[in-house]
Amino acid sequence: MQIAQKLAGYSLGEADLMRRAMGKKDQKAMAPHEVKFIEGAVGRGIDKKKAKAIFDLMAKFADYGFNRSHSIAYAYVAYQTAYLKAHYPAYFYAAVLSHEADDSAKVYKYSNELRSLGLSLLPPDVNESDEGFTPGDGSVRFGLSAIKGMGAAAAKAIIEAREGGRFNSLYDFVSRVDHTAINRKSVESLAAAGAFDSMKPDDLPANLWRAKIYSAIDDALAFGQNAWNDKLRGQSGLFGGASESAADHSLPNAETWTQAEMSAKEKVSLGFYLSAHPLDDYQEILKGLGIRAIADHDTVINGQQMLVAGVVSGLQVRWSKKGNRFASFQIEDQSTSLKCLMWGDEFGKYADAIENDQLLIVEGKIKSNDGQDMILMSTGVRSLTEAVSKNARAVKITLPEGDYDEAYFQDLCSVLSSSPGRCEVHIRFPIGEVVTELRSGPMRVEGSRRLEKELEQRGCSVNWIL
């Protein structure tokens, strides 16, 4: 608008009115300015034809100039971000993930993207993580503030306490971090997310370590509160500060978390599975069933039949305008997730099977409109664990260690006889360090999750062989 002020003598207010008319692409609002602009320009010694040409250029801007300027601005931003993504991918994704830290679905989406480029998404760590996501050498470190139950204040308190040196134990951690910034929920979230794993002894598995940390939280918080009370009173331990006395505390014994338990807790704290996925134990089985990862279906067309397997999340049951019930959910594997819809009669048939965190095999047809994400219009689902047992050619049943009487074997035979089928039965007897395996020729069973549960209730471990 400086042109209008300099050439035509417009006041600041008049120039602003013209700017608004141009920005709104309002030709009627621009028309009254034509005479005033040309007269003002002529009065300042500008040729009338030239003044008319200048105004016509500004009037044309009201038609397309706003869109053009925005397209150029967006193109410039797109070029900058594409350059960063190509040449500095760790820094690029650290910035993107920090911006989307409150949206776990987007964090999951971009974490899959960065893995596809050869980068690693490292778990949060009280000794390494900053408040947001940080770039590393071929990796991005998960930010503390992106953990559920952790706010910016707690993350800042951890980083501030860490300036005094690395934390070497849970008790050291709670005695040094401001006790008003953390609570049981935040420490549980840190433990479930693996943020204390850098303190883990090398010979201890992660699922046992996290279980031990979890079981020590109440005692550790009480210790931390006492340590902070001593600090406020100006007191310290006999041999120094609270950090030294923290070394006297060891973690209690705890029952090892199963892989499923560790994965479930990790998902609650992070919003998705990071270190381990429930499907990890089923890779050979999925291969045997001919089920590919969702991301491997890269040439899907509209109407194509698809079979996928994964964990159910984001389940929502709704009613259509016609009064029919339907379900919307995500099916998620290690590669990505896919939106699924199940309508009317199909949902009525499979409603009991579709629950959050369930491992399912889902089949249906792809619906893919231009510019929209794929949707799987599901026509059927089945339990992955049930599919394994149903398709097994043999089952290995390992009996618990101990002495077996005749009644135990009669009960076991009764259970197996109640499910006749085509699946071979191999029974394994652990005797000390020796395991004896017997193959039952005449007895064959029909594999099912029900049969597996009944055997597990009798102390047996069950392994289905495809």
Protein backbone atom coordinates (compact mmCIF):
# COMPACT_ATOMS: atom_id res chain seq x y z
CA MET A 1 0.00 0.00 0.00
CA GLN A 2 3.06 2.22 0.01
CA ILE A 3 2.46 2.71 -3.75
CA ALA A 4 -0.99 4.22 -3.08
CA GLN A 5 0.47 6.50 -0.41
CA LYS A 6 3.41 7.70 -2.46
CA LEU A 7 1.85 7.96 -5.93
CA ALA A 8 -1.72 9.03 -5.12
CA GLY A 9 -1.34 10.73 -1.74
CA TYR A 10 -3.48 8.20 0.12
CA SER A 11 -3.65 8.51 3.86
CA LEU A 12 -2.77 5.45 5.95
CA GLY A 13 -6.47 4.79 6.57
CA GLU A 14 -7.40 5.06 2.89
CA ALA A 15 -4.57 2.76 1.92
CA ASP A 16 -5.76 0.21 4.48
CA LEU A 17 -9.28 0.26 3.01
CA MET A 18 -7.83 -0.52 -0.43
CA ARG A 19 -5.70 -3.31 1.06
CA ARG A 20 -8.79 -4.92 2.60
CA ALA A 21 -10.69 -4.76 -0.69
CA MET A 22 -7.77 -6.38 -2.49
CA GLY A 23 -7.36 -9.08 0.16
CA LYS A 24 -11.06 -10.00 -0.08
CA LYS A 25 -10.92 -9.97 -3.91
CA ASP A 26 -13.84 -7.50 -3.85
CA GLN A 27 -14.08 -5.78 -7.25
CA LYS A 28 -17.01 -3.59 -6.19
CA ALA A 29 -15.07 -2.30 -3.21
CA MET A 30 -12.06 -1.62 -5.46
CA ALA A 31 -14.02 0.41 -8.06
CA PRO A 32 -14.43 3.65 -6.00
CA HIS A 33 -10.67 3.80 -5.51
CA GLU A 34 -9.92 3.98 -9.24
CA VAL A 35 -10.93 7.62 -9.80
CA LYS A 36 -9.38 8.79 -6.54
CA PHE A 37 -6.11 6.96 -7.22
CA ILE A 38 -5.74 8.24 -10.82
CA GLU A 39 -6.60 11.82 -9.84
CA GLY A 40 -4.18 11.73 -6.93
CA ALA A 41 -1.40 10.33 -9.12
CA VAL A 42 -1.98 12.88 -11.90
CA GLY A 43 -1.92 15.64 -9.30
CA ARG A 44 1.53 14.42 -8.31
CA GLY A 45 2.87 14.59 -11.88
CA ILE A 46 2.19 11.01 -13.00
CA ASP A 47 0.98 10.48 -16.57
CA LYS A 48 -2.71 9.55 -16.59
CA LYS A 49 -2.22 6.42 -18.76
CA LYS A 50 0.59 5.25 -16.53
CA ALA A 51 -1.51 5.89 -13.42
CA LYS A 52 -4.38 3.88 -14.99
CA ALA A 53 -1.98 1.01 -15.82
CA ILE A 54 -0.66 0.95 -12.25
CA PHE A 55 -4.16 0.85 -10.79
CA ASP A 56 -5.16 -1.95 -13.23
CA LEU A 57 -2.21 -4.00 -11.99
CA MET A 58 -3.40 -3.57 -8.41
CA ALA A 59 -6.97 -4.43 -9.41
CA LYS A 60 -5.73 -7.66 -11.03
CA PHE A 61 -4.01 -8.51 -7.78
CA ALA A 62 -7.47 -8.60 -6.21
CA ASP A 63 -8.28 -11.51 -8.58
CA TYR A 64 -5.29 -13.80 -8.07
CA GLY A 65 -2.47 -12.07 -6.25
CA PHE A 66 -3.44 -13.36 -2.78
CA ASN A 67 -3.47 -16.99 -3.97
CA ARG A 68 -0.21 -16.55 -5.85
CA SER A 69 1.58 -15.06 -2.86
CA HIS A 70 0.38 -17.89 -0.65
CA SER A 71 1.38 -20.56 -3.15
CA ILE A 72 4.86 -19.07 -3.36
CA ALA A 73 5.12 -18.91 0.45
CA TYR A 74 3.99 -22.52 0.84
CA ALA A 75 6.33 -23.67 -1.95
CA TYR A 76 9.23 -21.96 -0.18
CA VAL A 77 8.36 -23.63 3.14
CA ALA A 78 7.93 -27.00 1.37
CA TYR A 79 11.37 -26.61 -0.23
CA GLN A 80 12.98 -25.80 3.11
CA THR A 81 11.37 -28.74 4.93
CA ALA A 82 12.13 -31.14 2.05
CA TYR A 83 15.79 -30.06 2.19
CA LEU A 84 15.93 -30.62 5.95
CA LYS A 85 14.22 -34.00 5.66
CA ALA A 86 16.63 -35.12 2.93
CA HIS A 87 19.88 -33.86 4.46
CA TYR A 88 19.15 -33.65 8.22
CA PRO A 89 16.40 -36.25 8.81
CA ALA A 90 17.09 -36.73 12.54
CA TYR A 91 16.78 -32.99 13.18
CA PHE A 92 13.73 -32.76 10.94
CA TYR A 93 11.83 -35.55 12.71
CA ALA A 94 12.92 -34.38 16.15
CA ALA A 95 11.28 -31.02 15.39
CA VAL A 96 8.14 -32.61 13.90
CA LEU A 97 7.70 -35.03 16.79
CA SER A 98 8.26 -32.30 19.38
CA HIS A 99 5.55 -30.23 17.68
CA GLU A 100 3.14 -33.21 17.69
CA ALA A 101 4.14 -34.56 21.13
CA ASP A 102 0.59 -34.28 22.50
CA ASP A 103 -0.89 -36.40 19.69
CA SER A 104 0.23 -40.02 20.15
CA ALA A 105 -1.36 -41.06 16.84
CA LYS A 106 0.82 -38.61 14.94
CA VAL A 107 3.87 -39.55 17.00
CA TYR A 108 3.26 -43.16 15.96
CA LYS A 109 2.81 -42.14 12.33
CA TYR A 110 6.03 -40.14 12.16
CA SER A 111 7.98 -42.74 14.14
CA ASN A 112 7.13 -45.24 11.39
CA GLU A 113 8.25 -42.72 8.78
CA LEU A 114 11.62 -42.14 10.41
CA ARG A 115 12.21 -45.88 10.77
CA SER A 116 11.55 -46.29 7.04
CA LEU A 117 14.46 -43.87 6.45
CA GLY A 118 16.81 -45.97 8.55
CA LEU A 119 16.55 -43.90 11.73
CA SER A 120 15.83 -45.31 15.19
CA LEU A 121 13.35 -43.93 17.70
CA LEU A 122 15.08 -44.41 21.04
CA PRO A 123 12.96 -44.82 24.19
CA PRO A 124 12.74 -42.03 26.76
CA ASP A 125 15.55 -41.99 29.30
CA VAL A 126 15.80 -39.96 32.52
CA ASN A 127 19.54 -39.66 31.90
CA GLU A 128 19.40 -38.74 28.20
CA SER A 129 16.03 -37.27 27.17
CA ASP A 130 15.23 -33.59 27.01
CA GLU A 131 11.78 -32.11 27.33
CA GLY A 132 11.13 -32.57 23.60
CA PHE A 133 12.45 -35.05 21.05
CA THR A 134 16.16 -34.68 20.34
CA PRO A 135 18.26 -35.72 17.31
CA GLY A 136 21.20 -38.06 17.58
CA ASP A 137 23.53 -40.00 15.31
CA GLY A 138 21.04 -41.85 13.13
CA SER A 139 18.37 -41.68 15.80
CA VAL A 140 15.80 -39.55 17.60
CA ARG A 141 15.41 -39.72 21.37
CA PHE A 142 11.88 -39.73 22.81
CA GLY A 143 11.06 -36.57 24.79
CA LEU A 144 10.05 -36.70 28.46
CA SER A 145 7.07 -34.38 28.03
CA ALA A 146 5.53 -36.75 25.44
CA ILE A 147 5.10 -39.48 28.09
CA LYS A 148 1.55 -39.79 29.40
CA GLY A 149 1.22 -38.46 32.93
CA MET A 150 4.30 -36.27 32.52
CA GLY A 151 3.94 -32.52 32.15
CA ALA A 152 6.44 -29.87 31.16
CA ALA A 153 7.11 -29.03 34.83
CA ALA A 154 8.08 -32.63 35.67
CA ALA A 155 10.31 -32.88 32.59
CA LYS A 156 12.08 -29.63 33.46
CA ALA A 157 12.56 -30.74 37.07
CA ILE A 158 14.21 -33.99 35.91
CA ILE A 159 16.53 -32.15 33.52
CA GLU A 160 17.44 -29.61 36.20
CA ALA A 161 18.22 -32.35 38.76
CA ARG A 162 20.32 -34.18 36.16
CA GLU A 163 22.71 -31.23 35.97
CA GLY A 164 24.22 -32.58 39.19
CA GLY A 165 25.19 -35.85 37.46
CA ARG A 166 23.53 -38.93 36.02
CA PHE A 167 20.94 -40.76 38.09
CA ASN A 168 22.25 -44.16 39.18
CA SER A 169 19.12 -45.66 40.77
CA LEU A 170 15.41 -45.11 41.33
CA TYR A 171 16.13 -43.96 44.89
CA ASP A 172 18.78 -41.53 43.66
CA PHE A 173 16.25 -40.19 41.16
CA VAL A 174 13.44 -39.51 43.66
CA SER A 175 15.83 -37.97 46.19
CA ARG A 176 17.18 -35.41 43.69
CA VAL A 177 14.15 -34.47 41.56
CA ASP A 178 11.90 -31.84 43.13
CA HIS A 179 9.30 -33.88 45.02
CA THR A 180 6.54 -31.42 44.11
CA ALA A 181 7.08 -32.07 40.39
CA ILE A 182 6.68 -35.88 40.40
CA ASN A 183 4.16 -38.30 41.87
CA ARG A 184 3.30 -41.97 41.70
CA LYS A 185 1.59 -41.68 38.33
CA SER A 186 4.52 -39.91 36.69
CA VAL A 187 7.08 -42.39 38.06
CA GLU A 188 4.90 -45.32 36.93
CA SER A 189 4.72 -43.80 33.46
CA LEU A 190 8.49 -43.38 33.37
CA ALA A 191 9.02 -46.98 34.46
CA ALA A 192 6.50 -48.39 31.95
CA ALA A 193 8.05 -46.34 29.14
CA GLY A 194 11.51 -47.73 29.89
CA ALA A 195 12.93 -44.40 31.08
CA PHE A 196 14.92 -46.13 33.85
CA ASP A 197 16.32 -48.87 31.58
CA SER A 198 19.73 -47.19 31.28
CA MET A 199 20.31 -48.11 34.95
CA LYS A 200 19.49 -51.78 34.32
CA PRO A 201 22.20 -54.40 34.94
CA ASP A 202 23.28 -56.04 31.69
CA ASP A 203 22.27 -59.52 32.84
CA LEU A 204 18.72 -58.54 33.81
CA PRO A 205 15.93 -58.73 31.19
CA ALA A 206 13.92 -55.55 30.64
CA ASN A 207 10.58 -57.11 31.63
CA LEU A 208 11.95 -58.18 35.03
CA TRP A 209 13.76 -54.86 35.56
CA ARG A 210 10.64 -52.80 34.90
CA ALA A 211 8.59 -55.08 37.17
CA LYS A 212 11.12 -54.55 39.98
CA ILE A 213 11.10 -50.76 39.45
CA TYR A 214 7.29 -50.77 39.55
CA SER A 215 7.17 -52.73 42.79
CA ALA A 216 9.61 -50.31 44.45
CA ILE A 217 7.79 -47.07 43.60
CA ASP A 218 5.87 -46.64 46.88
CA ASP A 219 8.97 -47.26 49.00
CA ALA A 220 11.08 -45.02 46.75
CA LEU A 221 8.63 -42.11 46.91
CA ALA A 222 8.53 -42.36 50.70
CA PHE A 223 12.33 -42.33 50.75
CA GLY A 224 12.39 -39.34 48.40
CA GLN A 225 9.91 -37.42 50.56
CA ASN A 226 12.07 -38.02 53.65
CA ALA A 227 15.16 -36.95 51.76
CA TRP A 228 13.51 -33.69 50.70
CA ASN A 229 12.24 -33.05 54.22
CA ASP A 230 15.81 -33.44 55.49
CA LYS A 231 17.02 -30.97 52.86
CA LEU A 232 14.39 -28.43 53.87
CA ARG A 233 15.47 -28.78 57.50
CA GLY A 234 19.10 -28.47 56.53
CA GLN A 235 19.88 -32.01 57.66
CA SER A 236 21.85 -34.74 55.89
CA GLY A 237 22.75 -38.36 56.47
CA LEU A 238 25.61 -39.51 58.66
CA PHE A 239 27.94 -39.94 55.67
CA GLY A 240 26.67 -37.10 53.46
CA GLY A 241 23.65 -36.29 51.34
CA ALA A 242 20.61 -38.30 50.35
CA SER A 243 22.27 -39.54 47.14
CA GLU A 244 24.74 -41.56 49.20
CA SER A 245 22.07 -43.16 51.36
CA ALA A 246 20.10 -43.96 48.20
CA ALA A 247 22.82 -46.47 47.32
CA ASP A 248 21.80 -48.56 50.34
CA HIS A 249 18.42 -49.38 48.78
CA SER A 250 18.00 -52.35 46.48
CA LEU A 251 14.98 -53.18 44.38
CA PRO A 252 12.61 -55.80 45.79
CA ASN A 253 11.90 -59.14 44.18
CA ALA A 254 9.04 -59.08 41.70
CA GLU A 255 7.29 -61.43 39.32
CA THR A 256 8.59 -60.97 35.78
CA TRP A 257 6.19 -59.19 33.46
CA THR A 258 5.13 -61.16 30.44
CA GLN A 259 5.89 -59.66 27.04
CA ALA A 260 2.20 -58.82 26.68
CA GLU A 261 2.13 -57.04 30.06
CA MET A 262 5.23 -55.00 29.26
CA SER A 263 3.89 -54.03 25.84
CA ALA A 264 0.49 -53.06 27.28
CA LYS A 265 2.02 -50.82 29.96
CA GLU A 266 4.36 -49.27 27.41
CA LYS A 267 1.43 -48.40 25.17
CA VAL A 268 -0.45 -46.78 28.06
CA SER A 269 2.52 -44.54 28.85
CA LEU A 270 3.58 -43.71 25.27
CA GLY A 271 0.37 -44.12 23.28
CA PHE A 272 1.84 -46.88 21.09
CA TYR A 273 4.20 -49.87 21.22
CA LEU A 274 7.85 -48.80 21.03
CA SER A 275 10.33 -51.46 22.19
CA ALA A 276 8.15 -54.52 21.60
CA HIS A 277 4.93 -55.20 19.74
CA PRO A 278 2.39 -57.93 20.62
CA LEU A 279 2.75 -59.28 17.07
CA ASP A 280 6.49 -59.91 17.54
CA ASP A 281 5.79 -63.40 18.89
CA TYR A 282 3.57 -64.22 15.89
CA GLN A 283 5.86 -63.43 12.94
CA GLU A 284 6.42 -67.03 11.88
CA ILE A 285 2.74 -67.78 12.36
CA LEU A 286 1.66 -64.82 10.21
CA LYS A 287 4.14 -65.89 7.55
CA GLY A 288 2.64 -69.38 7.63
CA LEU A 289 -0.84 -67.91 7.23
CA GLY A 290 0.32 -65.74 4.31
CA ILE A 291 -0.49 -62.44 6.06
CA ARG A 292 1.76 -59.51 5.14
CA ALA A 293 2.46 -56.30 7.05
CA ILE A 294 0.01 -53.50 6.31
CA ALA A 295 2.74 -51.25 4.87
CA ASP A 296 3.74 -54.00 2.42
CA HIS A 297 0.41 -53.54 0.60
CA ASP A 298 1.83 -50.66 -1.44
CA THR A 299 -0.15 -51.14 -4.66
CA VAL A 300 -3.65 -51.40 -3.23
CA ILE A 301 -6.53 -50.36 -5.49
CA ASN A 302 -10.11 -49.45 -4.66
CA GLY A 303 -12.23 -52.55 -4.07
CA GLN A 304 -9.28 -54.88 -3.55
CA GLN A 305 -9.67 -57.69 -1.04
CA MET A 306 -7.20 -57.50 1.87
CA LEU A 307 -6.27 -59.67 4.83
CA VAL A 308 -4.33 -58.06 7.69
CA ALA A 309 -3.46 -58.81 11.31
CA GLY A 310 -2.79 -56.49 14.23
CA VAL A 311 -3.91 -54.98 17.50
CA VAL A 312 -7.27 -53.24 17.77
CA SER A 313 -7.20 -49.63 19.00
CA GLY A 314 -9.48 -46.60 18.99
CA LEU A 315 -12.68 -48.66 18.88
CA GLN A 316 -15.83 -46.55 18.54
CA VAL A 317 -19.34 -47.95 18.21
CA ARG A 318 -21.80 -45.58 16.55
CA TRP A 319 -25.24 -45.42 15.00
CA SER A 320 -25.88 -44.50 11.37
CA LYS A 321 -28.61 -42.09 10.25
CA LYS A 322 -30.73 -45.12 9.41
CA GLY A 323 -30.42 -46.38 12.97
CA ASN A 324 -27.92 -49.18 12.25
CA ARG A 325 -25.03 -49.84 14.59
CA PHE A 326 -21.48 -49.88 13.16
CA ALA A 327 -17.91 -49.93 14.42
CA SER A 328 -14.87 -47.82 13.58
CA PHE A 329 -11.43 -48.96 14.75
CA GLN A 330 -7.75 -49.07 13.88
CA ILE A 331 -5.85 -52.29 13.22
CA GLU A 332 -2.19 -51.74 14.02
CA ASP A 333 0.89 -53.84 13.26
CA GLN A 334 4.61 -53.04 13.53
CA SER A 335 4.64 -51.14 10.24
CA THR A 336 1.62 -48.83 10.45
CA SER A 337 -2.11 -48.77 11.19
CA LEU A 338 -5.20 -49.01 9.01
CA LYS A 339 -8.69 -47.63 9.63
CA CYS A 340 -11.44 -50.24 9.55
CA LEU A 341 -15.22 -49.95 9.37
CA MET A 342 -17.70 -52.75 10.00
CA TRP A 343 -21.37 -52.24 9.27
CA GLY A 344 -24.74 -53.67 10.21
CA ASP A 345 -25.06 -57.44 10.07
CA GLU A 346 -21.31 -58.06 10.03
CA PHE A 347 -20.78 -56.02 13.19
CA GLY A 348 -23.68 -57.77 14.90
CA LYS A 349 -21.99 -61.08 14.13
CA TYR A 350 -18.49 -60.13 15.30
CA ALA A 351 -19.18 -57.48 17.96
CA ASP A 352 -18.02 -59.69 20.83
CA ALA A 353 -14.64 -60.28 19.18
CA ILE A 354 -13.78 -56.64 18.49
CA GLU A 355 -12.24 -55.06 21.58
CA ASN A 356 -9.35 -52.69 22.14
CA ASP A 357 -5.95 -54.42 22.52
CA GLN A 358 -7.22 -57.66 20.98
CA LEU A 359 -5.06 -59.44 18.39
CA LEU A 360 -7.26 -59.95 15.34
CA ILE A 361 -7.09 -61.07 11.74
CA VAL A 362 -9.32 -58.73 9.73
CA GLU A 363 -10.53 -59.24 6.17
CA GLY A 364 -12.47 -56.95 3.87
CA LYS A 365 -12.34 -54.68 0.84
CA ILE A 366 -10.35 -51.48 0.48
CA LYS A 367 -12.13 -48.19 -0.04
CA SER A 368 -9.74 -45.53 -1.28
CA ASN A 369 -10.97 -42.19 -2.60
CA ASP A 370 -8.64 -39.68 -4.20
CA GLY A 371 -6.77 -37.66 -1.61
CA GLN A 372 -8.02 -39.77 1.31
CA ASP A 373 -6.46 -42.49 3.42
CA MET A 374 -7.36 -46.13 2.79
CA ILE A 375 -10.25 -47.63 4.75
CA LEU A 376 -10.80 -51.37 5.12
CA MET A 377 -14.51 -52.15 4.89
CA SER A 378 -14.36 -55.22 7.09
CA THR A 379 -16.53 -58.24 6.38
CA GLY A 380 -15.11 -60.53 9.05
CA VAL A 381 -12.64 -60.86 11.93
CA ARG A 382 -11.15 -63.73 13.89
CA SER A 383 -8.88 -64.00 16.86
CA LEU A 384 -5.22 -64.39 15.91
CA THR A 385 -4.61 -66.77 18.79
CA GLU A 386 -7.68 -68.78 17.77
CA ALA A 387 -6.47 -68.84 14.15
CA VAL A 388 -3.13 -70.23 15.26
CA SER A 389 -4.67 -73.15 17.11
CA LYS A 390 -7.25 -73.79 14.38
CA ASN A 391 -4.55 -74.03 11.68
CA ALA A 392 -2.00 -75.97 13.73
CA ARG A 393 -0.89 -79.41 12.49
CA ALA A 394 0.49 -80.36 15.90
CA VAL A 395 0.54 -79.22 19.50
CA LYS A 396 3.37 -79.60 22.01
CA ILE A 397 2.10 -79.82 25.59
CA THR A 398 4.80 -79.44 28.24
CA LEU A 399 3.72 -80.72 31.65
CA PRO A 400 4.72 -78.82 34.79
CA GLU A 401 7.67 -80.12 36.78
CA GLY A 402 6.71 -82.40 39.64
CA ASP A 403 5.20 -85.79 40.38
CA TYR A 404 2.12 -86.89 38.43
CA ASP A 405 -0.40 -89.35 39.76
CA GLU A 406 -2.89 -91.43 37.81
CA ALA A 407 -5.71 -88.97 38.48
CA TYR A 408 -3.72 -86.15 36.83
CA PHE A 409 -3.20 -88.17 33.62
CA GLN A 410 -6.83 -89.28 33.55
CA ASP A 411 -7.93 -85.65 33.85
CA LEU A 412 -5.48 -84.61 31.11
CA CYS A 413 -6.73 -87.36 28.77
CA SER A 414 -10.31 -86.33 29.47
CA VAL A 415 -9.55 -82.74 28.46
CA LEU A 416 -7.83 -83.84 25.24
CA SER A 417 -10.55 -86.35 24.35
CA SER A 418 -13.23 -83.67 24.65
CA SER A 419 -11.83 -81.89 21.56
CA PRO A 420 -11.31 -84.53 18.83
CA GLY A 421 -9.79 -83.31 15.57
CA ARG A 422 -6.80 -83.62 13.20
CA CYS A 423 -4.03 -81.97 15.26
CA GLU A 424 -1.24 -84.29 16.46
CA VAL A 425 -0.46 -84.31 20.19
CA HIS A 426 3.11 -84.29 21.56
CA ILE A 427 3.42 -84.49 25.34
CA ARG A 428 6.70 -83.44 26.98
CA PHE A 429 7.75 -84.56 30.50
CA PRO A 430 10.48 -82.50 32.20
CA ILE A 431 12.40 -84.78 34.59
CA GLY A 432 15.21 -82.79 36.15
CA GLU A 433 17.37 -81.55 33.27
CA VAL A 434 15.99 -84.17 30.90
CA VAL A 435 12.84 -83.65 28.82
CA THR A 436 11.09 -86.72 27.44
CA GLU A 437 8.64 -86.28 24.57
CA LEU A 438 5.89 -88.72 23.64
CA ARG A 439 3.82 -88.58 20.47
CA SER A 440 0.24 -89.75 20.79
CA GLY A 441 -0.62 -91.48 17.52
CA PRO A 442 -4.31 -92.31 17.96
CA MET A 443 -5.24 -89.17 19.93
CA ARG A 444 -5.72 -86.03 17.86
CA VAL A 445 -7.40 -82.79 18.89
CA GLU A 446 -9.18 -79.81 17.42
CA GLY A 447 -7.07 -76.76 18.22
CA SER A 448 -8.82 -73.94 20.04
CA ARG A 449 -8.16 -71.22 22.55
CA ARG A 450 -10.60 -72.96 24.92
CA LEU A 451 -8.50 -76.13 24.89
CA GLU A 452 -5.33 -74.08 25.42
CA LYS A 453 -6.82 -72.35 28.46
CA GLU A 454 -7.92 -75.65 30.00
CA LEU A 455 -4.41 -77.07 29.61
CA GLU A 456 -2.84 -73.91 31.06
CA GLN A 457 -5.14 -74.18 34.07
CA ARG A 458 -3.51 -77.56 34.73
CA GLY A 459 -0.02 -76.04 34.69
CA CYS A 460 0.84 -77.01 31.11
CA SER A 461 2.52 -74.79 28.55
CA VAL A 462 1.09 -75.07 25.04
CA ASN A 463 2.90 -74.52 21.74
CA TRP A 464 0.95 -74.81 18.48
CA ILE A 465 2.93 -75.88 15.42
CA LEU A 466 1.71 -74.72 12.01
